[in-house]
C-alpha cells in the first residue's frame, strides 16, 4: 500500500472543563519537520505531541493548529491578575494616546492571551488533549492512504507505458540485430571500393564485432526490465517505500540514458525520449510517497 505524505486530519475532544479542536496538515519532505506552536495551556505536552506525530506520521512537513475552549470557566479557572492588570494598563495608555474613552469589554478581556492560570487543572486537560491528538492523527493517516491510492493508480499507468516502450525496444533490437552487421559491411565495402585500398577482411570483421558490441544495449534493457519489476513490487508493498522508489528511479534513468547514448537507431531514440518523460512524471509523484 502506498501512503502519501500529503494530507489533512481533524478531530475534536471535550469534557465538562475543556473542548479542544485540532487540525493537522502534512506536506512532502525528505525528513520529519515539525515545530510546535501550542497554546500555553497545552505547551507542557509538546513532547508527547511530537512523539506521537513522529512515531505515526514518520516523515513530512507537519503543521498543527489547535483551538481550545474552556467551559465553566467562572468556577474552574484562576485569573492571572498580574497579567490582566498589565493588559488594562496598556489599554488605558493606548486610550490616552488616541484621546479615547473606550474601555475593554468582558468579551474582549476573555479573548486576551494567557490571562488564566492552568496549572491546577492539568489532570482535566491531558486526557482530552491526548485523545484529540490520536484521533486527528488517525484522520490524517486515513487521508494519506486515500491520496496514496490515487498516486498508485497514476504510477501504475506510467509504469505500463514505460514497459510497453521497453518491450518495443527489445523487439527492435531483435529485428535490427542481423541488419546492423550487413549495413555496416555495405558501408565499408562502398568506402573501400571508392578508395581502391586492400584491407585484411578478418581484421575488418573483428572491428565490426567490437563496434557492434559498443552499440549493444541488450544488457541495459535487461537491467531496466529488472528495475521496472522491482519498482512494481515496491508499489504493491505494505511498507514505507518512498525512498526506495526514488533510488530505483535514479537507476532506471541511468540505464535509459545509456541506451540513448549507445543507440544509433532513430526509433529507439524516440522511445528513449518517451521513457525519460514518463520517469520524470513518476518522480513528481514519488516525492509525495512516505
C-alpha atoms as a PDB file:
ATOM      1  CA  UNK A   1       0.000   0.000   0.000  1.00  0.00           C
ATOM      2  CA  UNK A   2       1.344   3.409  -0.987  1.00  0.00           C
ATOM      3  CA  UNK A   3       0.923   6.141   1.618  1.00  0.00           C
ATOM      4  CA  UNK A   4       1.201   9.791   0.659  1.00  0.00           C
ATOM      5  CA  UNK A   5       2.896  12.390   2.844  1.00  0.00           C
ATOM      6  CA  UNK A   6       0.202  14.882   1.848  1.00  0.00           C
ATOM      7  CA  UNK A   7      -2.999  15.012   3.854  1.00  0.00           C
ATOM      8  CA  UNK A   8      -5.175  16.777   6.373  1.00  0.00           C
ATOM      9  CA  UNK A   9      -6.744  15.418   9.547  1.00  0.00           C
ATOM     10  CA  UNK A  10      -9.176  16.910  12.047  1.00  0.00           C
ATOM     11  CA  UNK A  11     -10.522  15.908  15.444  1.00  0.00           C
ATOM     12  CA  UNK A  12     -12.416  17.288  18.414  1.00  0.00           C
ATOM     13  CA  UNK A  13     -12.442  16.136  22.050  1.00  0.00           C
ATOM     14  CA  UNK A  14     -14.045  17.561  25.172  1.00  0.00           C
ATOM     15  CA  UNK A  15     -15.103  17.074  28.786  1.00  0.00           C
ATOM     16  CA  UNK A  16     -17.011  19.306  31.187  1.00  0.00           C
ATOM     17  CA  UNK A  17     -13.942  21.522  31.593  1.00  0.00           C
ATOM     18  CA  UNK A  18     -12.324  21.907  28.172  1.00  0.00           C
ATOM     19  CA  UNK A  19     -13.060  21.490  24.479  1.00  0.00           C
ATOM     20  CA  UNK A  20     -10.169  21.018  22.025  1.00  0.00           C
ATOM     21  CA  UNK A  21     -10.202  21.142  18.228  1.00  0.00           C
ATOM     22  CA  UNK A  22      -7.138  20.058  16.258  1.00  0.00           C
ATOM     23  CA  UNK A  23      -6.208  20.195  12.593  1.00  0.00           C
ATOM     24  CA  UNK A  24      -3.063  18.522  11.227  1.00  0.00           C
ATOM     25  CA  UNK A  25      -1.714  19.267   7.765  1.00  0.00           C
ATOM     26  CA  UNK A  26       1.122  17.298   6.216  1.00  0.00           C
ATOM     27  CA  UNK A  27       3.276  18.034   3.157  1.00  0.00           C
ATOM     28  CA  UNK A  28       6.066  16.123   1.465  1.00  0.00           C
ATOM     29  CA  UNK A  29       9.578  16.399   2.924  1.00  0.00           C
ATOM     30  CA  UNK A  30      12.703  14.255   2.997  1.00  0.00           C
ATOM     31  CA  UNK A  31      12.591  14.273   6.802  1.00  0.00           C
ATOM     32  CA  UNK A  32      10.225  14.774   9.734  1.00  0.00           C
ATOM     33  CA  UNK A  33       9.763  18.525  10.192  1.00  0.00           C
ATOM     34  CA  UNK A  34       7.645  19.944  12.984  1.00  0.00           C
ATOM     35  CA  UNK A  35       7.918  22.911  15.348  1.00  0.00           C
ATOM     36  CA  UNK A  36       5.122  23.007  17.939  1.00  0.00           C
ATOM     37  CA  UNK A  37       3.192  26.242  18.396  1.00  0.00           C
ATOM     38  CA  UNK A  38       0.826  25.094  21.092  1.00  0.00           C
ATOM     39  CA  UNK A  39      -1.427  27.288  23.224  1.00  0.00           C
ATOM     40  CA  UNK A  40       0.095  27.916  26.648  1.00  0.00           C
ATOM     41  CA  UNK A  41      -2.401  25.632  28.352  1.00  0.00           C
ATOM     42  CA  UNK A  42      -1.161  22.709  26.226  1.00  0.00           C
ATOM     43  CA  UNK A  43       2.519  23.517  25.711  1.00  0.00           C
ATOM     44  CA  UNK A  44       3.556  21.249  28.602  1.00  0.00           C
ATOM     45  CA  UNK A  45       2.514  18.308  26.387  1.00  0.00           C
ATOM     46  CA  UNK A  46       4.652  19.292  23.383  1.00  0.00           C
ATOM     47  CA  UNK A  47       6.997  16.334  23.881  1.00  0.00           C
ATOM     48  CA  UNK A  48       4.035  13.946  23.803  1.00  0.00           C
ATOM     49  CA  UNK A  49       2.652  15.650  20.699  1.00  0.00           C
ATOM     50  CA  UNK A  50       5.991  15.441  18.858  1.00  0.00           C
ATOM     51  CA  UNK A  51       6.491  11.780  19.769  1.00  0.00           C
ATOM     52  CA  UNK A  52       3.029  10.775  18.554  1.00  0.00           C
ATOM     53  CA  UNK A  53       3.427  12.667  15.290  1.00  0.00           C
ATOM     54  CA  UNK A  54       6.895  11.291  14.587  1.00  0.00           C
ATOM     55  CA  UNK A  55       6.038   7.697  15.519  1.00  0.00           C
ATOM     56  CA  UNK A  56       2.916   7.562  13.400  1.00  0.00           C
ATOM     57  CA  UNK A  57       3.451  10.004  10.514  1.00  0.00           C
ATOM     58  CA  UNK A  58       7.148   9.087  10.102  1.00  0.00           C
ATOM     59  CA  UNK A  59       8.063  11.738   7.553  1.00  0.00           C
ATOM     60  CA  UNK A  60       6.796  15.022   6.165  1.00  0.00           C
ATOM     61  CA  UNK A  61       6.453  18.691   6.981  1.00  0.00           C
ATOM     62  CA  UNK A  62       3.770  18.835   9.674  1.00  0.00           C
ATOM     63  CA  UNK A  63       1.642  21.791  10.735  1.00  0.00           C
ATOM     64  CA  UNK A  64      -0.692  21.516  13.727  1.00  0.00           C
ATOM     65  CA  UNK A  65      -3.425  24.038  14.557  1.00  0.00           C
ATOM     66  CA  UNK A  66      -5.081  23.734  17.961  1.00  0.00           C
ATOM     67  CA  UNK A  67      -8.061  25.622  19.353  1.00  0.00           C
ATOM     68  CA  UNK A  68      -9.098  25.341  22.994  1.00  0.00           C
ATOM     69  CA  UNK A  69     -12.286  26.477  24.682  1.00  0.00           C
ATOM     70  CA  UNK A  70     -12.728  26.361  28.445  1.00  0.00           C
ATOM     71  CA  UNK A  71     -16.138  25.573  29.833  1.00  0.00           C
ATOM     72  CA  UNK A  72     -17.464  26.631  33.260  1.00  0.00           C
ATOM     73  CA  UNK A  73     -14.509  28.967  33.473  1.00  0.00           C
ATOM     74  CA  UNK A  74     -16.096  31.088  36.217  1.00  0.00           C
ATOM     75  CA  UNK A  75     -15.703  28.236  38.708  1.00  0.00           C
ATOM     76  CA  UNK A  76     -12.772  26.325  37.260  1.00  0.00           C
ATOM     77  CA  UNK A  77     -10.079  28.783  36.231  1.00  0.00           C
ATOM     78  CA  UNK A  78      -7.894  31.093  38.219  1.00  0.00           C
ATOM     79  CA  UNK A  79      -7.271  34.523  36.744  1.00  0.00           C
ATOM     80  CA  UNK A  80      -3.689  35.693  36.352  1.00  0.00           C
ATOM     81  CA  UNK A  81      -4.313  39.091  37.958  1.00  0.00           C
ATOM     82  CA  UNK A  82      -0.854  40.472  37.228  1.00  0.00           C
ATOM     83  CA  UNK A  83      -1.181  39.766  33.512  1.00  0.00           C
ATOM     84  CA  UNK A  84      -4.759  41.091  33.418  1.00  0.00           C
ATOM     85  CA  UNK A  85      -3.696  44.341  35.133  1.00  0.00           C
ATOM     86  CA  UNK A  86      -0.872  44.613  32.592  1.00  0.00           C
ATOM     87  CA  UNK A  87      -3.388  44.495  29.730  1.00  0.00           C
ATOM     88  CA  UNK A  88      -5.673  47.010  31.461  1.00  0.00           C
ATOM     89  CA  UNK A  89      -2.780  49.443  32.000  1.00  0.00           C
ATOM     90  CA  UNK A  90      -1.744  49.136  28.357  1.00  0.00           C
ATOM     91  CA  UNK A  91      -5.331  49.670  27.256  1.00  0.00           C
ATOM     92  CA  UNK A  92      -5.504  52.909  29.253  1.00  0.00           C
ATOM     93  CA  UNK A  93      -2.162  54.020  27.830  1.00  0.00           C
ATOM     94  CA  UNK A  94      -3.436  53.488  24.289  1.00  0.00           C
ATOM     95  CA  UNK A  95      -6.660  55.357  25.120  1.00  0.00           C
ATOM     96  CA  UNK A  96      -4.618  58.328  26.313  1.00  0.00           C
ATOM     97  CA  UNK A  97      -2.586  58.350  23.119  1.00  0.00           C
ATOM     98  CA  UNK A  98      -5.720  58.188  20.993  1.00  0.00           C
ATOM     99  CA  UNK A  99      -7.650  60.554  23.277  1.00  0.00           C
ATOM    100  CA  UNK A 100     -10.373  57.926  23.590  1.00  0.00           C
ATOM    101  CA  UNK A 101     -12.568  56.864  26.471  1.00  0.00           C
ATOM    102  CA  UNK A 102     -13.248  53.334  25.178  1.00  0.00           C
ATOM    103  CA  UNK A 103     -12.735  50.511  27.657  1.00  0.00           C
ATOM    104  CA  UNK A 104     -12.251  46.775  27.326  1.00  0.00           C
ATOM    105  CA  UNK A 105     -15.476  44.777  27.260  1.00  0.00           C
ATOM    106  CA  UNK A 106     -15.821  41.455  29.053  1.00  0.00           C
ATOM    107  CA  UNK A 107     -15.759  39.579  25.738  1.00  0.00           C
ATOM    108  CA  UNK A 108     -12.539  41.337  24.764  1.00  0.00           C
ATOM    109  CA  UNK A 109     -10.978  40.521  28.110  1.00  0.00           C
ATOM    110  CA  UNK A 110     -11.858  36.857  27.730  1.00  0.00           C
ATOM    111  CA  UNK A 111     -10.017  36.773  24.394  1.00  0.00           C
ATOM    112  CA  UNK A 112      -6.784  38.166  25.826  1.00  0.00           C
ATOM    113  CA  UNK A 113      -3.928  35.632  25.698  1.00  0.00           C
ATOM    114  CA  UNK A 114      -2.632  33.924  28.822  1.00  0.00           C
ATOM    115  CA  UNK A 115      -4.892  35.614  31.391  1.00  0.00           C
ATOM    116  CA  UNK A 116      -5.778  32.290  33.051  1.00  0.00           C
ATOM    117  CA  UNK A 117      -3.639  30.013  35.201  1.00  0.00           C
ATOM    118  CA  UNK A 118      -3.984  26.379  34.152  1.00  0.00           C
ATOM    119  CA  UNK A 119      -1.562  24.529  36.399  1.00  0.00           C
ATOM    120  CA  UNK A 120      -4.248  23.370  38.806  1.00  0.00           C
ATOM    121  CA  UNK A 121      -6.246  21.748  36.005  1.00  0.00           C
ATOM    122  CA  UNK A 122      -3.672  19.734  34.052  1.00  0.00           C
ATOM    123  CA  UNK A 123      -5.278  16.449  35.010  1.00  0.00           C
ATOM    124  CA  UNK A 124      -8.553  17.592  33.424  1.00  0.00           C
ATOM    125  CA  UNK A 125      -6.805  18.627  30.213  1.00  0.00           C
ATOM    126  CA  UNK A 126      -4.339  15.832  29.492  1.00  0.00           C
ATOM    127  CA  UNK A 127      -6.773  13.020  28.670  1.00  0.00           C
ATOM    128  CA  UNK A 128      -8.826  15.208  26.346  1.00  0.00           C
ATOM    129  CA  UNK A 129      -5.731  16.513  24.575  1.00  0.00           C
ATOM    130  CA  UNK A 130      -4.163  13.072  24.049  1.00  0.00           C
ATOM    131  CA  UNK A 131      -7.444  11.732  22.721  1.00  0.00           C
ATOM    132  CA  UNK A 132      -7.688  14.657  20.300  1.00  0.00           C
ATOM    133  CA  UNK A 133      -4.091  14.124  19.123  1.00  0.00           C
ATOM    134  CA  UNK A 134      -4.623  10.426  18.440  1.00  0.00           C
ATOM    135  CA  UNK A 135      -7.901  10.905  16.625  1.00  0.00           C
ATOM    136  CA  UNK A 136      -6.518  13.733  14.483  1.00  0.00           C
ATOM    137  CA  UNK A 137      -3.552  11.523  13.552  1.00  0.00           C
ATOM    138  CA  UNK A 138      -5.939   8.655  12.733  1.00  0.00           C
ATOM    139  CA  UNK A 139      -7.819  11.009  10.439  1.00  0.00           C
ATOM    140  CA  UNK A 140      -4.752  12.286   8.591  1.00  0.00           C
ATOM    141  CA  UNK A 141      -3.390   8.752   8.173  1.00  0.00           C
ATOM    142  CA  UNK A 142      -6.656   7.784   6.507  1.00  0.00           C
ATOM    143  CA  UNK A 143      -6.376  10.828   4.243  1.00  0.00           C
ATOM    144  CA  UNK A 144      -2.759   9.912   3.407  1.00  0.00           C
ATOM    145  CA  UNK A 145      -3.842   6.387   2.455  1.00  0.00           C
ATOM    146  CA  UNK A 146      -6.587   7.685   0.170  1.00  0.00           C
ATOM    147  CA  UNK A 147      -4.128  10.036  -1.519  1.00  0.00           C
ATOM    148  CA  UNK A 148      -1.691   7.117  -1.774  1.00  0.00           C
ATOM    149  CA  UNK A 149      -4.309   5.057  -3.617  1.00  0.00           C
ATOM    150  CA  UNK A 150      -4.648   7.853  -6.181  1.00  0.00           C
ATOM    151  CA  UNK A 151      -0.870   8.077  -6.571  1.00  0.00           C
ATOM    152  CA  UNK A 152      -0.672   4.329  -7.079  1.00  0.00           C
ATOM    153  CA  UNK A 153      -3.147   4.426  -9.975  1.00  0.00           C
ATOM    154  CA  UNK A 154      -1.182   7.178 -11.720  1.00  0.00           C
ATOM    155  CA  UNK A 155       2.185   5.499 -11.175  1.00  0.00           C
ATOM    156  CA  UNK A 156       0.936   2.109 -12.406  1.00  0.00           C
ATOM    157  CA  UNK A 157      -0.303   3.749 -15.606  1.00  0.00           C
ATOM    158  CA  UNK A 158       3.093   5.368 -16.140  1.00  0.00           C
ATOM    159  CA  UNK A 159       4.831   2.034 -15.494  1.00  0.00           C
ATOM    160  CA  UNK A 160       2.650   0.253 -18.056  1.00  0.00           C
ATOM    161  CA  UNK A 161       3.519   2.916 -20.607  1.00  0.00           C
ATOM    162  CA  UNK A 162       7.251   2.578 -19.883  1.00  0.00           C
ATOM    163  CA  UNK A 163       7.085  -1.225 -20.040  1.00  0.00           C
ATOM    164  CA  UNK A 164       5.374  -1.035 -23.414  1.00  0.00           C
ATOM    165  CA  UNK A 165       8.170   1.199 -24.750  1.00  0.00           C
ATOM    166  CA  UNK A 166      10.866  -1.102 -23.332  1.00  0.00           C
ATOM    167  CA  UNK A 167       9.191  -4.111 -24.978  1.00  0.00           C
ATOM    168  CA  UNK A 168       9.179  -2.191 -28.258  1.00  0.00           C
ATOM    169  CA  UNK A 169      12.900  -1.503 -27.886  1.00  0.00           C
ATOM    170  CA  UNK A 170      13.528  -5.213 -27.254  1.00  0.00           C
ATOM    171  CA  UNK A 171      11.631  -6.028 -30.435  1.00  0.00           C
ATOM    172  CA  UNK A 172      13.640  -3.504 -32.426  1.00  0.00           C
ATOM    173  CA  UNK A 173      16.886  -4.983 -31.109  1.00  0.00           C
ATOM    174  CA  UNK A 174      15.940  -8.437 -32.418  1.00  0.00           C
ATOM    175  CA  UNK A 175      14.704  -7.057 -35.733  1.00  0.00           C
ATOM    176  CA  UNK A 176      17.818  -4.986 -36.361  1.00  0.00           C
ATOM    177  CA  UNK A 177      20.411  -7.410 -34.972  1.00  0.00           C
ATOM    178  CA  UNK A 178      21.321  -9.053 -38.294  1.00  0.00           C
ATOM    179  CA  UNK A 179      20.663  -5.972 -40.354  1.00  0.00           C
ATOM    180  CA  UNK A 180      23.206  -3.867 -38.446  1.00  0.00           C
ATOM    181  CA  UNK A 181      26.148  -6.031 -39.454  1.00  0.00           C
ATOM    182  CA  UNK A 182      25.003  -6.051 -43.073  1.00  0.00           C
ATOM    183  CA  UNK A 183      24.515  -2.282 -43.042  1.00  0.00           C
ATOM    184  CA  UNK A 184      27.989  -1.587 -41.645  1.00  0.00           C
ATOM    185  CA  UNK A 185      29.555  -4.128 -44.043  1.00  0.00           C
ATOM    186  CA  UNK A 186      27.916  -2.486 -47.061  1.00  0.00           C
ATOM    187  CA  UNK A 187      29.095   0.980 -45.981  1.00  0.00           C
ATOM    188  CA  UNK A 188      32.675  -0.186 -45.513  1.00  0.00           C
ATOM    189  CA  UNK A 189      32.679  -2.094 -48.809  1.00  0.00           C
ATOM    190  CA  UNK A 190      31.491   1.046 -50.621  1.00  0.00           C
ATOM    191  CA  UNK A 191      34.197   3.066 -48.873  1.00  0.00           C
ATOM    192  CA  UNK A 192      36.933   0.560 -49.744  1.00  0.00           C
ATOM    193  CA  UNK A 193      35.794   0.374 -53.356  1.00  0.00           C
ATOM    194  CA  UNK A 194      35.978   4.121 -53.719  1.00  0.00           C
ATOM    195  CA  UNK A 195      39.461   4.234 -52.172  1.00  0.00           C
ATOM    196  CA  UNK A 196      40.735   1.148 -54.016  1.00  0.00           C
ATOM    197  CA  UNK A 197      42.576   0.002 -50.875  1.00  0.00           C
ATOM    198  CA  UNK A 198      43.043  -3.584 -49.732  1.00  0.00           C
ATOM    199  CA  UNK A 199      42.286  -4.496 -46.126  1.00  0.00           C
ATOM    200  CA  UNK A 200      42.533  -7.646 -44.082  1.00  0.00           C
ATOM    201  CA  UNK A 201      38.901  -8.807 -44.041  1.00  0.00           C
ATOM    202  CA  UNK A 202      39.331 -10.844 -40.866  1.00  0.00           C
ATOM    203  CA  UNK A 203      40.707  -7.815 -39.075  1.00  0.00           C
ATOM    204  CA  UNK A 204      37.917  -5.722 -40.507  1.00  0.00           C
ATOM    205  CA  UNK A 205      35.237  -8.080 -39.209  1.00  0.00           C
ATOM    206  CA  UNK A 206      36.851  -8.035 -35.768  1.00  0.00           C
ATOM    207  CA  UNK A 207      36.475  -4.269 -35.752  1.00  0.00           C
ATOM    208  CA  UNK A 208      32.860  -4.693 -36.814  1.00  0.00           C
ATOM    209  CA  UNK A 209      32.288  -7.008 -33.894  1.00  0.00           C
ATOM    210  CA  UNK A 210      33.829  -4.519 -31.446  1.00  0.00           C
ATOM    211  CA  UNK A 211      31.733  -1.700 -32.860  1.00  0.00           C
ATOM    212  CA  UNK A 212      28.541  -3.720 -32.598  1.00  0.00           C
ATOM    213  CA  UNK A 213      29.417  -4.666 -29.012  1.00  0.00           C
ATOM    214  CA  UNK A 214      29.810  -0.996 -28.101  1.00  0.00           C
ATOM    215  CA  UNK A 215      26.418  -0.306 -29.643  1.00  0.00           C
ATOM    216  CA  UNK A 216      24.752  -3.288 -27.954  1.00  0.00           C
ATOM    217  CA  UNK A 217      22.018  -2.209 -25.497  1.00  0.00           C
ATOM    218  CA  UNK A 218      20.618  -5.604 -24.528  1.00  0.00           C
ATOM    219  CA  UNK A 219      22.239  -5.575 -21.067  1.00  0.00           C
ATOM    220  CA  UNK A 220      20.807  -2.142 -20.308  1.00  0.00           C
ATOM    221  CA  UNK A 221      17.364  -3.285 -21.427  1.00  0.00           C
ATOM    222  CA  UNK A 222      17.599  -6.362 -19.173  1.00  0.00           C
ATOM    223  CA  UNK A 223      18.575  -4.211 -16.191  1.00  0.00           C
ATOM    224  CA  UNK A 224      15.830  -1.709 -16.970  1.00  0.00           C
ATOM    225  CA  UNK A 225      13.263  -4.517 -17.030  1.00  0.00           C
ATOM    226  CA  UNK A 226      14.602  -5.744 -13.689  1.00  0.00           C
ATOM    227  CA  UNK A 227      14.228  -2.253 -12.171  1.00  0.00           C
ATOM    228  CA  UNK A 228      10.679  -1.982 -13.524  1.00  0.00           C
ATOM    229  CA  UNK A 229       9.702  -5.328 -11.982  1.00  0.00           C
ATOM    230  CA  UNK A 230      11.185  -4.383  -8.610  1.00  0.00           C
ATOM    231  CA  UNK A 231       9.539  -0.954  -8.758  1.00  0.00           C
ATOM    232  CA  UNK A 232       6.169  -2.610  -9.342  1.00  0.00           C
ATOM    233  CA  UNK A 233       6.712  -4.890  -6.319  1.00  0.00           C
ATOM    234  CA  UNK A 234       7.523  -1.911  -4.120  1.00  0.00           C
ATOM    235  CA  UNK A 235       4.396  -0.120  -5.317  1.00  0.00           C
ATOM    236  CA  UNK A 236       2.359  -3.129  -4.120  1.00  0.00           C
ATOM    237  CA  UNK A 237       4.270  -3.360  -0.811  1.00  0.00           C
ATOM    238  CA  UNK A 238       2.640  -2.543   2.539  1.00  0.00           C
ATOM    239  CA  UNK A 239       5.815  -0.847   3.809  1.00  0.00           C
ATOM    240  CA  UNK A 240       7.079   2.726   3.519  1.00  0.00           C
ATOM    241  CA  UNK A 241       8.868   2.645   0.170  1.00  0.00           C
ATOM    242  CA  UNK A 242       9.194   6.270  -0.938  1.00  0.00           C
ATOM    243  CA  UNK A 243      12.992   6.413  -0.604  1.00  0.00           C
ATOM    244  CA  UNK A 244      13.433   3.022  -2.320  1.00  0.00           C
ATOM    245  CA  UNK A 245      11.248   4.098  -5.226  1.00  0.00           C
ATOM    246  CA  UNK A 246      13.241   7.294  -5.597  1.00  0.00           C
ATOM    247  CA  UNK A 247      16.504   5.328  -5.716  1.00  0.00           C
ATOM    248  CA  UNK A 248      15.119   2.922  -8.326  1.00  0.00           C
ATOM    249  CA  UNK A 249      14.044   5.847 -10.496  1.00  0.00           C
ATOM    250  CA  UNK A 250      17.634   7.089 -10.488  1.00  0.00           C
ATOM    251  CA  UNK A 251      18.845   3.649 -11.604  1.00  0.00           C
ATOM    252  CA  UNK A 252      16.174   3.456 -14.299  1.00  0.00           C
ATOM    253  CA  UNK A 253      17.137   6.885 -15.568  1.00  0.00           C
ATOM    254  CA  UNK A 254      20.801   5.827 -15.714  1.00  0.00           C
ATOM    255  CA  UNK A 255      20.011   2.784 -17.876  1.00  0.00           C
ATOM    256  CA  UNK A 256      17.771   4.803 -20.191  1.00  0.00           C
ATOM    257  CA  UNK A 257      20.466   7.455 -20.651  1.00  0.00           C
ATOM    258  CA  UNK A 258      22.991   4.750 -21.532  1.00  0.00           C
ATOM    259  CA  UNK A 259      20.605   3.245 -24.080  1.00  0.00           C
ATOM    260  CA  UNK A 260      20.119   6.677 -25.619  1.00  0.00           C
ATOM    261  CA  UNK A 261      23.862   7.347 -25.846  1.00  0.00           C
ATOM    262  CA  UNK A 262      24.636   3.933 -27.393  1.00  0.00           C
ATOM    263  CA  UNK A 263      21.918   3.558 -29.976  1.00  0.00           C
ATOM    264  CA  UNK A 264      22.007   4.989 -33.468  1.00  0.00           C
ATOM    265  CA  UNK A 265      18.504   3.730 -34.274  1.00  0.00           C
ATOM    266  CA  UNK A 266      16.119   6.661 -34.593  1.00  0.00           C
ATOM    267  CA  UNK A 267      13.068   4.597 -33.494  1.00  0.00           C
ATOM    268  CA  UNK A 268      14.835   3.550 -30.289  1.00  0.00           C
ATOM    269  CA  UNK A 269      15.957   7.148 -29.639  1.00  0.00           C
ATOM    270  CA  UNK A 270      12.349   8.326 -29.853  1.00  0.00           C
ATOM    271  CA  UNK A 271      11.225   5.684 -27.381  1.00  0.00           C
ATOM    272  CA  UNK A 272      14.056   6.646 -25.020  1.00  0.00           C
ATOM    273  CA  UNK A 273      12.732  10.222 -25.011  1.00  0.00           C
ATOM    274  CA  UNK A 274       9.233   8.969 -24.179  1.00  0.00           C
ATOM    275  CA  UNK A 275      10.536   6.763 -21.347  1.00  0.00           C
ATOM    276  CA  UNK A 276      12.565   9.624 -19.819  1.00  0.00           C
ATOM    277  CA  UNK A 277       9.467  11.823 -19.905  1.00  0.00           C
ATOM    278  CA  UNK A 278       7.421   9.192 -18.035  1.00  0.00           C
ATOM    279  CA  UNK A 279      10.194   8.667 -15.457  1.00  0.00           C
ATOM    280  CA  UNK A 280      10.144  12.400 -14.730  1.00  0.00           C
ATOM    281  CA  UNK A 281       6.376  12.255 -14.259  1.00  0.00           C
ATOM    282  CA  UNK A 282       6.739   9.344 -11.845  1.00  0.00           C
ATOM    283  CA  UNK A 283       9.442  11.266  -9.943  1.00  0.00           C
ATOM    284  CA  UNK A 284       6.981  14.071  -9.271  1.00  0.00           C
ATOM    285  CA  UNK A 285       4.536  11.589  -7.747  1.00  0.00           C
ATOM    286  CA  UNK A 286       7.155   9.660  -5.774  1.00  0.00           C
ATOM    287  CA  UNK A 287       8.218  12.860  -3.977  1.00  0.00           C
ATOM    288  CA  UNK A 288       4.900  12.633  -2.087  1.00  0.00           C
ATOM    289  CA  UNK A 289       5.232   8.983  -1.074  1.00  0.00           C
ATOM    290  CA  UNK A 290       6.124   8.080   2.505  1.00  0.00           C
END
